[in-house]
Amino acid sequence: MKGLFGGLFDFNHDGNLSTFEQAAEFSFLHEMLGENEGSKTELELSGLDPNELEFMNAEERREVLEDAGLDPDEYDF
């Protein structure tokens, strides 16, 4: 049985997808759909660590958020 991408993940060219080949296809789809990115917050996508921001003083935190292109007034720490 061929997967969603035809024979792309049929590594041994036997016409069937083994468990490993199915897992490779699933992993590829998961990565393509950006499932990992979807679970990140806007702060994390900007390269900021929310935990580190909590320990900064308000003025420093505001500057870091502005430098990252984010509106500091949208965040409550």
Protein backbone atom coordinates (compact mmCIF):
# COMPACT_ATOMS: atom_id res chain seq x y z
CA MET A 1 0.00 0.00 0.00
CA LYS A 2 1.37 3.40 -0.94
CA GLY A 3 1.19 6.37 1.42
CA LEU A 4 0.09 9.92 0.80
CA PHE A 5 3.24 10.66 -1.17
CA GLY A 6 3.07 7.61 -3.41
CA GLY A 7 6.32 5.68 -3.28
CA LEU A 8 8.40 8.50 -1.81
CA PHE A 9 8.70 6.73 1.55
CA ASP A 10 8.86 3.20 0.12
CA PHE A 11 12.59 3.01 0.79
CA ASN A 12 12.99 -0.66 -0.16
CA HIS A 13 10.72 -0.32 -3.24
CA ASP A 14 8.57 -3.33 -2.39
CA GLY A 15 5.27 -1.53 -3.02
CA ASN A 16 4.29 -1.58 0.65
CA LEU A 17 5.11 0.79 3.49
CA SER A 18 6.66 -0.94 6.47
CA THR A 19 6.13 0.39 9.97
CA PHE A 20 9.41 2.30 9.72
CA GLU A 21 8.45 3.79 6.36
CA GLN A 22 5.02 4.82 7.71
CA ALA A 23 6.71 6.43 10.73
CA ALA A 24 9.06 8.35 8.42
CA GLU A 25 6.10 9.58 6.39
CA PHE A 26 4.22 10.60 9.54
CA SER A 27 7.26 12.40 10.92
CA PHE A 28 7.72 14.25 7.63
CA LEU A 29 4.06 15.32 7.58
CA HIS A 30 4.23 16.39 11.20
CA GLU A 31 7.26 18.56 10.45
CA MET A 32 5.75 19.96 7.24
CA LEU A 33 2.57 21.02 8.99
CA GLY A 34 4.58 22.83 11.62
CA GLU A 35 3.00 21.07 14.57
CA ASN A 36 6.03 21.92 16.69
CA GLU A 37 5.82 25.60 15.81
CA GLY A 38 2.10 25.74 16.50
CA SER A 39 2.61 24.96 20.16
CA LYS A 40 5.08 27.82 20.69
CA THR A 41 4.00 31.18 22.03
CA GLU A 42 4.67 34.46 20.26
CA LEU A 43 7.44 35.13 22.78
CA GLU A 44 9.15 31.80 22.04
CA LEU A 45 8.82 32.31 18.28
CA SER A 46 10.60 35.65 18.79
CA GLY A 47 13.46 33.82 20.51
CA LEU A 48 12.54 35.03 23.99
CA ASP A 49 12.19 32.87 27.08
CA PRO A 50 9.10 33.81 29.12
CA ASN A 51 10.79 32.55 32.30
CA GLU A 52 13.76 34.86 31.79
CA LEU A 53 11.46 37.81 31.11
CA GLU A 54 9.76 37.29 34.48
CA PHE A 55 13.03 37.88 36.31
CA MET A 56 13.83 41.14 34.50
CA ASN A 57 12.84 44.50 35.90
CA ALA A 58 9.93 46.15 34.10
CA GLU A 59 12.05 48.67 32.18
CA GLU A 60 14.51 46.04 30.92
CA ARG A 61 11.66 43.68 29.96
CA ARG A 62 9.90 46.46 28.04
CA GLU A 63 13.07 47.21 26.07
CA VAL A 64 13.67 43.54 25.23
CA LEU A 65 10.08 43.10 24.02
CA GLU A 66 10.27 46.25 21.89
CA ASP A 67 13.59 45.11 20.40
CA ALA A 68 11.90 41.84 19.43
CA GLY A 69 9.14 43.79 17.66
CA LEU A 70 6.49 42.98 20.25
CA ASP A 71 4.14 45.35 22.06
CA PRO A 72 5.13 45.27 25.77
CA ASP A 73 1.64 46.44 26.78
CA GLU A 74 0.17 43.14 25.55
CA TYR A 75 2.05 41.13 28.17
CA ASP A 76 1.39 40.89 31.89
CA PHE A 77 4.32 39.70 34.00
